[in-house]
Every structure is written in C-alpha cells, then in structure tokens.
Amino acid sequence: MSSEDELRKSCKKNVRTFYHYHGGCTVGSVVDKDYKVYGVEGLRVVDGSTFLESPGTNPMATLLMLGRYQGIKILKEKSDAGASNTQQQRP
C-alpha cells in the first residue's frame, strides 16, 4: 500500500467483523422506555442498537424476546385505545 487512500480502500474491501454491533440508539437517548423514537410519532426502534451494553452472548435470543415483548405491548396499546374510543362513543 503506497497511500492512506489505498489502505482505506483495501480495508473496506477485505476487513470483516463477527461482532454484534449495538448501542447507537440507546433507551433514554434516542428512544423512550417503550422504544418510541423521540419526536417521531409512530416510529419505534426494537433492535440491538437500543442496548447500552452487550448481553454477553450472541444477541439473537434476546432480540427475539424483545421483539415479541414489544409486539405484545403494541397490540395491547392498540386494543386499549380501541376500547377507550368505543366507550367514549357510547351515549
């Protein structure tokens, strides 16, 4: 490699990782405790980027559990909102 630019290009082409990236969208900084993105209505982030620290193993099982838990929470919120709207419409 004769230049920094060539080294950078070589790294982009050849370097791979086995790491599980996380931490770019942590709870409290980008999303709230319900994984709702601050300032963007209707958007949630439910993935490894919300972890402050690594779970210590391959995160697949943790992420599957988190996705299921948040999905159930969202369905309950929608159900509760629908029930509330129905009750408000009754005379």
PDB file of N, CA and C in Angstrom:
ATOM      1  N   MET A   1       0.841  -1.169   0.000  1.00  0.00           N
ATOM      2  CA  MET A   1       0.000   0.000   0.000  1.00  0.00           C
ATOM      3  C   MET A   1       0.893   1.242   0.000  1.00  0.00           C
ATOM      4  N   SER A   2       0.673   2.059  -0.955  1.00  0.00           N
ATOM      5  CA  SER A   2       1.536   3.233  -1.049  1.00  0.00           C
ATOM      6  C   SER A   2       0.878   4.501  -0.518  1.00  0.00           C
ATOM      7  N   SER A   3      -0.421   4.447  -0.285  1.00  0.00           N
ATOM      8  CA  SER A   3      -1.067   5.655   0.224  1.00  0.00           C
ATOM      9  C   SER A   3      -2.148   5.304   1.242  1.00  0.00           C
ATOM     10  N   GLU A   4      -2.490   6.307   2.006  1.00  0.00           N
ATOM     11  CA  GLU A   4      -3.546   6.127   3.001  1.00  0.00           C
ATOM     12  C   GLU A   4      -4.871   5.788   2.322  1.00  0.00           C
ATOM     13  N   ASP A   5      -5.115   6.395   1.177  1.00  0.00           N
ATOM     14  CA  ASP A   5      -6.346   6.128   0.432  1.00  0.00           C
ATOM     15  C   ASP A   5      -6.414   4.670  -0.027  1.00  0.00           C
ATOM     16  N   GLU A   6      -5.297   4.120  -0.499  1.00  0.00           N
ATOM     17  CA  GLU A   6      -5.264   2.713  -0.912  1.00  0.00           C
ATOM     18  C   GLU A   6      -5.510   1.788   0.273  1.00  0.00           C
ATOM     19  N   LEU A   7      -4.922   2.130   1.425  1.00  0.00           N
ATOM     20  CA  LEU A   7      -5.127   1.340   2.633  1.00  0.00           C
ATOM     21  C   LEU A   7      -6.602   1.356   3.033  1.00  0.00           C
ATOM     22  N   ARG A   8      -7.215   2.519   2.995  1.00  0.00           N
ATOM     23  CA  ARG A   8      -8.634   2.650   3.337  1.00  0.00           C
ATOM     24  C   ARG A   8      -9.493   1.802   2.394  1.00  0.00           C
ATOM     25  N   LYS A   9      -9.224   1.873   1.111  1.00  0.00           N
ATOM     26  CA  LYS A   9      -9.977   1.085   0.129  1.00  0.00           C
ATOM     27  C   LYS A   9      -9.786  -0.410   0.354  1.00  0.00           C
ATOM     28  N   SER A  10      -8.558  -0.817   0.655  1.00  0.00           N
ATOM     29  CA  SER A  10      -8.276  -2.226   0.919  1.00  0.00           C
ATOM     30  C   SER A  10      -9.030  -2.710   2.159  1.00  0.00           C
ATOM     31  N   CYS A  11      -9.042  -1.897   3.194  1.00  0.00           N
ATOM     32  CA  CYS A  11      -9.767  -2.273   4.419  1.00  0.00           C
ATOM     33  C   CYS A  11     -11.263  -2.413   4.150  1.00  0.00           C
ATOM     34  N   LYS A  12     -11.832  -1.458   3.432  1.00  0.00           N
ATOM     35  CA  LYS A  12     -13.264  -1.530   3.124  1.00  0.00           C
ATOM     36  C   LYS A  12     -13.598  -2.785   2.324  1.00  0.00           C
ATOM     37  N   LYS A  13     -12.681  -3.185   1.457  1.00  0.00           N
ATOM     38  CA  LYS A  13     -12.917  -4.350   0.610  1.00  0.00           C
ATOM     39  C   LYS A  13     -12.721  -5.667   1.358  1.00  0.00           C
ATOM     40  N   ASN A  14     -11.757  -5.724   2.277  1.00  0.00           N
ATOM     41  CA  ASN A  14     -11.341  -7.002   2.847  1.00  0.00           C
ATOM     42  C   ASN A  14     -11.650  -7.236   4.324  1.00  0.00           C
ATOM     43  N   VAL A  15     -11.794  -6.196   5.102  1.00  0.00           N
ATOM     44  CA  VAL A  15     -11.974  -6.376   6.544  1.00  0.00           C
ATOM     45  C   VAL A  15     -13.426  -6.730   6.841  1.00  0.00           C
ATOM     46  N   ARG A  16     -13.613  -7.763   7.612  1.00  0.00           N
ATOM     47  CA  ARG A  16     -14.947  -8.219   8.021  1.00  0.00           C
ATOM     48  C   ARG A  16     -14.980  -8.314   9.534  1.00  0.00           C
ATOM     49  N   THR A  17     -16.177  -8.355  10.084  1.00  0.00           N
ATOM     50  CA  THR A  17     -16.304  -8.467  11.535  1.00  0.00           C
ATOM     51  C   THR A  17     -17.270  -9.573  11.905  1.00  0.00           C
ATOM     52  N   PHE A  18     -17.100 -10.094  13.070  1.00  0.00           N
ATOM     53  CA  PHE A  18     -18.029 -11.073  13.618  1.00  0.00           C
ATOM     54  C   PHE A  18     -18.741 -10.484  14.828  1.00  0.00           C
ATOM     55  N   TYR A  19     -18.502  -9.208  15.090  1.00  0.00           N
ATOM     56  CA  TYR A  19     -19.114  -8.548  16.242  1.00  0.00           C
ATOM     57  C   TYR A  19     -20.583  -8.266  15.981  1.00  0.00           C
ATOM     58  N   HIS A  20     -21.324  -8.158  17.061  1.00  0.00           N
ATOM     59  CA  HIS A  20     -22.736  -7.790  17.001  1.00  0.00           C
ATOM     60  C   HIS A  20     -22.835  -6.349  17.488  1.00  0.00           C
ATOM     61  N   TYR A  21     -22.926  -5.442  16.559  1.00  0.00           N
ATOM     62  CA  TYR A  21     -22.938  -4.026  16.926  1.00  0.00           C
ATOM     63  C   TYR A  21     -24.189  -3.675  17.705  1.00  0.00           C
ATOM     64  N   HIS A  22     -24.030  -2.765  18.636  1.00  0.00           N
ATOM     65  CA  HIS A  22     -25.151  -2.302  19.439  1.00  0.00           C
ATOM     66  C   HIS A  22     -24.787  -0.959  20.051  1.00  0.00           C
ATOM     67  N   GLY A  23     -25.797  -0.278  20.614  1.00  0.00           N
ATOM     68  CA  GLY A  23     -25.535   0.917  21.386  1.00  0.00           C
ATOM     69  C   GLY A  23     -25.694   2.240  20.681  1.00  0.00           C
ATOM     70  N   GLY A  24     -26.092   2.280  19.433  1.00  0.00           N
ATOM     71  CA  GLY A  24     -26.201   3.546  18.721  1.00  0.00           C
ATOM     72  C   GLY A  24     -27.514   4.271  18.919  1.00  0.00           C
ATOM     73  N   CYS A  25     -28.463   3.620  19.554  1.00  0.00           N
ATOM     74  CA  CYS A  25     -29.819   4.173  19.669  1.00  0.00           C
ATOM     75  C   CYS A  25     -30.368   3.848  21.059  1.00  0.00           C
ATOM     76  N   THR A  26     -29.574   4.080  22.083  1.00  0.00           N
ATOM     77  CA  THR A  26     -29.888   3.582  23.421  1.00  0.00           C
ATOM     78  C   THR A  26     -31.154   4.178  24.023  1.00  0.00           C
ATOM     79  N   VAL A  27     -31.800   3.359  24.849  1.00  0.00           N
ATOM     80  CA  VAL A  27     -33.006   3.787  25.558  1.00  0.00           C
ATOM     81  C   VAL A  27     -32.646   4.983  26.426  1.00  0.00           C
ATOM     82  N   GLY A  28     -33.466   6.026  26.316  1.00  0.00           N
ATOM     83  CA  GLY A  28     -33.235   7.242  27.082  1.00  0.00           C
ATOM     84  C   GLY A  28     -32.563   8.331  26.272  1.00  0.00           C
ATOM     85  N   SER A  29     -31.802   7.959  25.248  1.00  0.00           N
ATOM     86  CA  SER A  29     -31.137   8.974  24.437  1.00  0.00           C
ATOM     87  C   SER A  29     -31.834   9.186  23.094  1.00  0.00           C
ATOM     88  N   VAL A  30     -32.307   8.118  22.476  1.00  0.00           N
ATOM     89  CA  VAL A  30     -32.979   8.206  21.175  1.00  0.00           C
ATOM     90  C   VAL A  30     -34.417   7.705  21.265  1.00  0.00           C
ATOM     91  N   VAL A  31     -34.625   6.690  22.097  1.00  0.00           N
ATOM     92  CA  VAL A  31     -35.964   6.123  22.286  1.00  0.00           C
ATOM     93  C   VAL A  31     -36.330   6.166  23.765  1.00  0.00           C
ATOM     94  N   ASP A  32     -37.648   6.168  24.030  1.00  0.00           N
ATOM     95  CA  ASP A  32     -38.102   6.152  25.419  1.00  0.00           C
ATOM     96  C   ASP A  32     -38.208   4.712  25.917  1.00  0.00           C
ATOM     97  N   LYS A  33     -38.736   4.531  27.122  1.00  0.00           N
ATOM     98  CA  LYS A  33     -38.810   3.192  27.724  1.00  0.00           C
ATOM     99  C   LYS A  33     -39.709   2.243  26.943  1.00  0.00           C
ATOM    100  N   ASP A  34     -40.572   2.774  26.089  1.00  0.00           N
ATOM    101  CA  ASP A  34     -41.433   1.955  25.242  1.00  0.00           C
ATOM    102  C   ASP A  34     -40.857   1.799  23.833  1.00  0.00           C
ATOM    103  N   TYR A  35     -39.612   2.207  23.666  1.00  0.00           N
ATOM    104  CA  TYR A  35     -38.878   2.094  22.399  1.00  0.00           C
ATOM    105  C   TYR A  35     -39.443   2.996  21.304  1.00  0.00           C
ATOM    106  N   LYS A  36     -40.173   4.036  21.709  1.00  0.00           N
ATOM    107  CA  LYS A  36     -40.684   5.025  20.758  1.00  0.00           C
ATOM    108  C   LYS A  36     -39.604   6.076  20.528  1.00  0.00           C
ATOM    109  N   VAL A  37     -39.362   6.396  19.259  1.00  0.00           N
ATOM    110  CA  VAL A  37     -38.343   7.382  18.912  1.00  0.00           C
ATOM    111  C   VAL A  37     -38.851   8.766  19.299  1.00  0.00           C
ATOM    112  N   TYR A  38     -38.024   9.494  20.045  1.00  0.00           N
ATOM    113  CA  TYR A  38     -38.388  10.851  20.443  1.00  0.00           C
ATOM    114  C   TYR A  38     -38.624  11.721  19.215  1.00  0.00           C
ATOM    115  N   GLY A  39     -39.750  12.421  19.193  1.00  0.00           N
ATOM    116  CA  GLY A  39     -40.033  13.385  18.142  1.00  0.00           C
ATOM    117  C   GLY A  39     -40.545  12.812  16.833  1.00  0.00           C
ATOM    118  N   VAL A  40     -40.749  11.489  16.758  1.00  0.00           N
ATOM    119  CA  VAL A  40     -41.243  10.880  15.518  1.00  0.00           C
ATOM    120  C   VAL A  40     -42.424   9.986  15.873  1.00  0.00           C
ATOM    121  N   GLU A  41     -43.618  10.487  15.659  1.00  0.00           N
ATOM    122  CA  GLU A  41     -44.814   9.737  16.025  1.00  0.00           C
ATOM    123  C   GLU A  41     -44.946   8.466  15.187  1.00  0.00           C
ATOM    124  N   GLY A  42     -45.236   7.358  15.860  1.00  0.00           N
ATOM    125  CA  GLY A  42     -45.484   6.098  15.179  1.00  0.00           C
ATOM    126  C   GLY A  42     -44.242   5.284  14.840  1.00  0.00           C
ATOM    127  N   LEU A  43     -43.066   5.741  15.261  1.00  0.00           N
ATOM    128  CA  LEU A  43     -41.834   5.009  14.945  1.00  0.00           C
ATOM    129  C   LEU A  43     -41.197   4.466  16.217  1.00  0.00           C
ATOM    130  N   ARG A  44     -40.866   3.184  16.194  1.00  0.00           N
ATOM    131  CA  ARG A  44     -40.156   2.539  17.300  1.00  0.00           C
ATOM    132  C   ARG A  44     -38.903   1.882  16.745  1.00  0.00           C
ATOM    133  N   VAL A  45     -37.910   1.758  17.589  1.00  0.00           N
ATOM    134  CA  VAL A  45     -36.699   1.022  17.246  1.00  0.00           C
ATOM    135  C   VAL A  45     -36.588  -0.114  18.246  1.00  0.00           C
ATOM    136  N   VAL A  46     -36.701  -1.331  17.754  1.00  0.00           N
ATOM    137  CA  VAL A  46     -36.632  -2.512  18.624  1.00  0.00           C
ATOM    138  C   VAL A  46     -35.567  -3.435  18.038  1.00  0.00           C
ATOM    139  N   ASP A  47     -34.321  -3.134  18.351  1.00  0.00           N
ATOM    140  CA  ASP A  47     -33.209  -3.962  17.879  1.00  0.00           C
ATOM    141  C   ASP A  47     -32.004  -3.771  18.785  1.00  0.00           C
ATOM    142  N   GLY A  48     -30.891  -4.352  18.413  1.00  0.00           N
ATOM    143  CA  GLY A  48     -29.695  -4.317  19.240  1.00  0.00           C
ATOM    144  C   GLY A  48     -29.098  -2.936  19.424  1.00  0.00           C
ATOM    145  N   SER A  49     -29.464  -1.996  18.573  1.00  0.00           N
ATOM    146  CA  SER A  49     -28.914  -0.648  18.724  1.00  0.00           C
ATOM    147  C   SER A  49     -29.405   0.020  20.001  1.00  0.00           C
ATOM    148  N   THR A  50     -30.470  -0.517  20.598  1.00  0.00           N
ATOM    149  CA  THR A  50     -31.013   0.077  21.823  1.00  0.00           C
ATOM    150  C   THR A  50     -30.320  -0.428  23.083  1.00  0.00           C
ATOM    151  N   PHE A  51     -29.435  -1.408  22.950  1.00  0.00           N
ATOM    152  CA  PHE A  51     -28.736  -1.953  24.122  1.00  0.00           C
ATOM    153  C   PHE A  51     -27.572  -1.051  24.512  1.00  0.00           C
ATOM    154  N   LEU A  52     -27.515  -0.692  25.774  1.00  0.00           N
ATOM    155  CA  LEU A  52     -26.389   0.089  26.267  1.00  0.00           C
ATOM    156  C   LEU A  52     -25.144  -0.789  26.365  1.00  0.00           C
ATOM    157  N   GLU A  53     -25.348  -2.048  26.762  1.00  0.00           N
ATOM    158  CA  GLU A  53     -24.243  -2.997  26.891  1.00  0.00           C
ATOM    159  C   GLU A  53     -24.603  -4.296  26.177  1.00  0.00           C
ATOM    160  N   SER A  54     -23.594  -5.026  25.780  1.00  0.00           N
ATOM    161  CA  SER A  54     -23.807  -6.315  25.133  1.00  0.00           C
ATOM    162  C   SER A  54     -24.391  -7.311  26.125  1.00  0.00           C
ATOM    163  N   PRO A  55     -25.329  -8.153  25.678  1.00  0.00           N
ATOM    164  CA  PRO A  55     -25.862  -9.173  26.578  1.00  0.00           C
ATOM    165  C   PRO A  55     -24.835 -10.254  26.917  1.00  0.00           C
ATOM    166  N   GLY A  56     -23.676 -10.221  26.293  1.00  0.00           N
ATOM    167  CA  GLY A  56     -22.605 -11.155  26.627  1.00  0.00           C
ATOM    168  C   GLY A  56     -22.537 -12.390  25.754  1.00  0.00           C
ATOM    169  N   THR A  57     -23.527 -12.593  24.918  1.00  0.00           N
ATOM    170  CA  THR A  57     -23.551 -13.730  24.008  1.00  0.00           C
ATOM    171  C   THR A  57     -24.101 -13.250  22.676  1.00  0.00           C
ATOM    172  N   ASN A  58     -24.285 -14.169  21.754  1.00  0.00           N
ATOM    173  CA  ASN A  58     -24.981 -13.832  20.525  1.00  0.00           C
ATOM    174  C   ASN A  58     -26.344 -13.274  20.924  1.00  0.00           C
ATOM    175  N   PRO A  59     -26.711 -12.084  20.448  1.00  0.00           N
ATOM    176  CA  PRO A  59     -27.929 -11.430  20.930  1.00  0.00           C
ATOM    177  C   PRO A  59     -29.237 -11.921  20.311  1.00  0.00           C
ATOM    178  N   MET A  60     -29.191 -12.940  19.468  1.00  0.00           N
ATOM    179  CA  MET A  60     -30.398 -13.349  18.744  1.00  0.00           C
ATOM    180  C   MET A  60     -31.572 -13.667  19.668  1.00  0.00           C
ATOM    181  N   ALA A  61     -31.371 -14.503  20.682  1.00  0.00           N
ATOM    182  CA  ALA A  61     -32.471 -14.880  21.576  1.00  0.00           C
ATOM    183  C   ALA A  61     -33.001 -13.666  22.331  1.00  0.00           C
ATOM    184  N   THR A  62     -32.101 -12.802  22.768  1.00  0.00           N
ATOM    185  CA  THR A  62     -32.511 -11.591  23.480  1.00  0.00           C
ATOM    186  C   THR A  62     -33.345 -10.700  22.572  1.00  0.00           C
ATOM    187  N   LEU A  63     -32.924 -10.552  21.322  1.00  0.00           N
ATOM    188  CA  LEU A  63     -33.659  -9.711  20.376  1.00  0.00           C
ATOM    189  C   LEU A  63     -35.010 -10.317  20.006  1.00  0.00           C
ATOM    190  N   LEU A  64     -35.066 -11.631  19.865  1.00  0.00           N
ATOM    191  CA  LEU A  64     -36.353 -12.284  19.592  1.00  0.00           C
ATOM    192  C   LEU A  64     -37.327 -12.043  20.743  1.00  0.00           C
ATOM    193  N   MET A  65     -36.838 -12.186  21.973  1.00  0.00           N
ATOM    194  CA  MET A  65     -37.677 -11.959  23.145  1.00  0.00           C
ATOM    195  C   MET A  65     -38.125 -10.499  23.213  1.00  0.00           C
ATOM    196  N   LEU A  66     -37.209  -9.577  22.962  1.00  0.00           N
ATOM    197  CA  LEU A  66     -37.541  -8.155  22.997  1.00  0.00           C
ATOM    198  C   LEU A  66     -38.582  -7.814  21.935  1.00  0.00           C
ATOM    199  N   GLY A  67     -38.416  -8.339  20.733  1.00  0.00           N
ATOM    200  CA  GLY A  67     -39.382  -8.090  19.665  1.00  0.00           C
ATOM    201  C   GLY A  67     -40.755  -8.636  19.995  1.00  0.00           C
ATOM    202  N   ARG A  68     -40.800  -9.836  20.548  1.00  0.00           N
ATOM    203  CA  ARG A  68     -42.089 -10.435  20.931  1.00  0.00           C
ATOM    204  C   ARG A  68     -42.747  -9.615  22.032  1.00  0.00           C
ATOM    205  N   TYR A  69     -41.974  -9.256  23.046  1.00  0.00           N
ATOM    206  CA  TYR A  69     -42.496  -8.472  24.166  1.00  0.00           C
ATOM    207  C   TYR A  69     -43.039  -7.127  23.682  1.00  0.00           C
ATOM    208  N   GLN A  70     -42.281  -6.431  22.854  1.00  0.00           N
ATOM    209  CA  GLN A  70     -42.733  -5.130  22.356  1.00  0.00           C
ATOM    210  C   GLN A  70     -43.939  -5.287  21.429  1.00  0.00           C
ATOM    211  N   GLY A  71     -43.975  -6.348  20.633  1.00  0.00           N
ATOM    212  CA  GLY A  71     -45.139  -6.599  19.783  1.00  0.00           C
ATOM    213  C   GLY A  71     -46.404  -6.803  20.594  1.00  0.00           C
ATOM    214  N   ILE A  72     -46.303  -7.576  21.671  1.00  0.00           N
ATOM    215  CA  ILE A  72     -47.455  -7.795  22.557  1.00  0.00           C
ATOM    216  C   ILE A  72     -47.883  -6.480  23.197  1.00  0.00           C
ATOM    217  N   LYS A  73     -46.905  -5.674  23.624  1.00  0.00           N
ATOM    218  CA  LYS A  73     -47.215  -4.366  24.220  1.00  0.00           C
ATOM    219  C   LYS A  73     -47.949  -3.461  23.228  1.00  0.00           C
ATOM    220  N   ILE A  74     -47.487  -3.443  21.989  1.00  0.00           N
ATOM    221  CA  ILE A  74     -48.116  -2.608  20.959  1.00  0.00           C
ATOM    222  C   ILE A  74     -49.550  -3.067  20.715  1.00  0.00           C
ATOM    223  N   LEU A  75     -49.766  -4.376  20.607  1.00  0.00           N
ATOM    224  CA  LEU A  75     -51.126  -4.895  20.412  1.00  0.00           C
ATOM    225  C   LEU A  75     -52.029  -4.513  21.573  1.00  0.00           C
ATOM    226  N   LYS A  76     -51.516  -4.586  22.799  1.00  0.00           N
ATOM    227  CA  LYS A  76     -52.301  -4.215  23.977  1.00  0.00           C
ATOM    228  C   LYS A  76     -52.628  -2.721  23.955  1.00  0.00           C
ATOM    229  N   GLU A  77     -51.651  -1.888  23.601  1.00  0.00           N
ATOM    230  CA  GLU A  77     -51.896  -0.446  23.498  1.00  0.00           C
ATOM    231  C   GLU A  77     -52.998  -0.160  22.480  1.00  0.00           C
ATOM    232  N   LYS A  78     -52.929  -0.818  21.331  1.00  0.00           N
ATOM    233  CA  LYS A  78     -53.945  -0.614  20.289  1.00  0.00           C
ATOM    234  C   LYS A  78     -55.308  -1.095  20.765  1.00  0.00           C
ATOM    235  N   SER A  79     -55.342  -2.229  21.441  1.00  0.00           N
ATOM    236  CA  SER A  79     -56.587  -2.779  21.968  1.00  0.00           C
ATOM    237  C   SER A  79     -57.187  -1.852  23.016  1.00  0.00           C
ATOM    238  N   ASP A  80     -56.348  -1.360  23.930  1.00  0.00           N
ATOM    239  CA  ASP A  80     -56.817  -0.443  24.969  1.00  0.00           C
ATOM    240  C   ASP A  80     -57.328   0.860  24.366  1.00  0.00           C
ATOM    241  N   ALA A  81     -56.637   1.365  23.349  1.00  0.00           N
ATOM    242  CA  ALA A  81     -57.055   2.601  22.687  1.00  0.00           C
ATOM    243  C   ALA A  81     -58.388   2.400  21.979  1.00  0.00           C
ATOM    244  N   GLY A  82     -58.566   1.251  21.335  1.00  0.00           N
ATOM    245  CA  GLY A  82     -59.831   0.949  20.663  1.00  0.00           C
ATOM    246  C   GLY A  82     -60.975   0.835  21.645  1.00  0.00           C
ATOM    247  N   ALA A  83     -60.738   0.182  22.778  1.00  0.00           N
ATOM    248  CA  ALA A  83     -61.766   0.041  23.809  1.00  0.00           C
ATOM    249  C   ALA A  83     -62.121   1.399  24.389  1.00  0.00           C
ATOM    250  N   SER A  84     -61.129   2.246  24.582  1.00  0.00           N
ATOM    251  CA  SER A  84     -61.357   3.585  25.117  1.00  0.00           C
ATOM    252  C   SER A  84     -62.189   4.415  24.150  1.00  0.00           C
ATOM    253  N   ASN A  85     -61.888   4.332  22.853  1.00  0.00           N
ATOM    254  CA  ASN A  85     -62.651   5.069  21.841  1.00  0.00           C
ATOM    255  C   ASN A  85     -64.085   4.575  21.775  1.00  0.00           C
ATOM    256  N   THR A  86     -64.303   3.270  21.897  1.00  0.00           N
ATOM    257  CA  THR A  86     -65.648   2.695  21.866  1.00  0.00           C
ATOM    258  C   THR A  86     -66.458   3.187  23.051  1.00  0.00           C
ATOM    259  N   GLN A  87     -65.861   3.227  24.228  1.00  0.00           N
ATOM    260  CA  GLN A  87     -66.562   3.683  25.429  1.00  0.00           C
ATOM    261  C   GLN A  87     -66.914   5.155  25.332  1.00  0.00           C
ATOM    262  N   GLN A  88     -66.058   5.964  24.726  1.00  0.00           N
ATOM    263  CA  GLN A  88     -66.317   7.393  24.592  1.00  0.00           C
ATOM    264  C   GLN A  88     -67.452   7.666  23.621  1.00  0.00           C
ATOM    265  N   GLN A  89     -67.668   6.789  22.656  1.00  0.00           N
ATOM    266  CA  GLN A  89     -68.702   6.997  21.653  1.00  0.00           C
ATOM    267  C   GLN A  89     -70.083   6.598  22.146  1.00  0.00           C
ATOM    268  N   ARG A  90     -70.168   5.823  23.213  1.00  0.00           N
ATOM    269  CA  ARG A  90     -71.469   5.394  23.732  1.00  0.00           C
ATOM    270  C   ARG A  90     -72.164   6.556  24.423  1.00  0.00           C
ATOM    271  N   PRO A  91     -73.502   6.662  24.226  1.00  0.00           N
ATOM    272  CA  PRO A  91     -74.248   7.760  24.875  1.00  0.00           C
ATOM    273  C   PRO A  91     -74.411   7.544  26.361  1.00  0.00           C
TER     274      PRO A  91
END
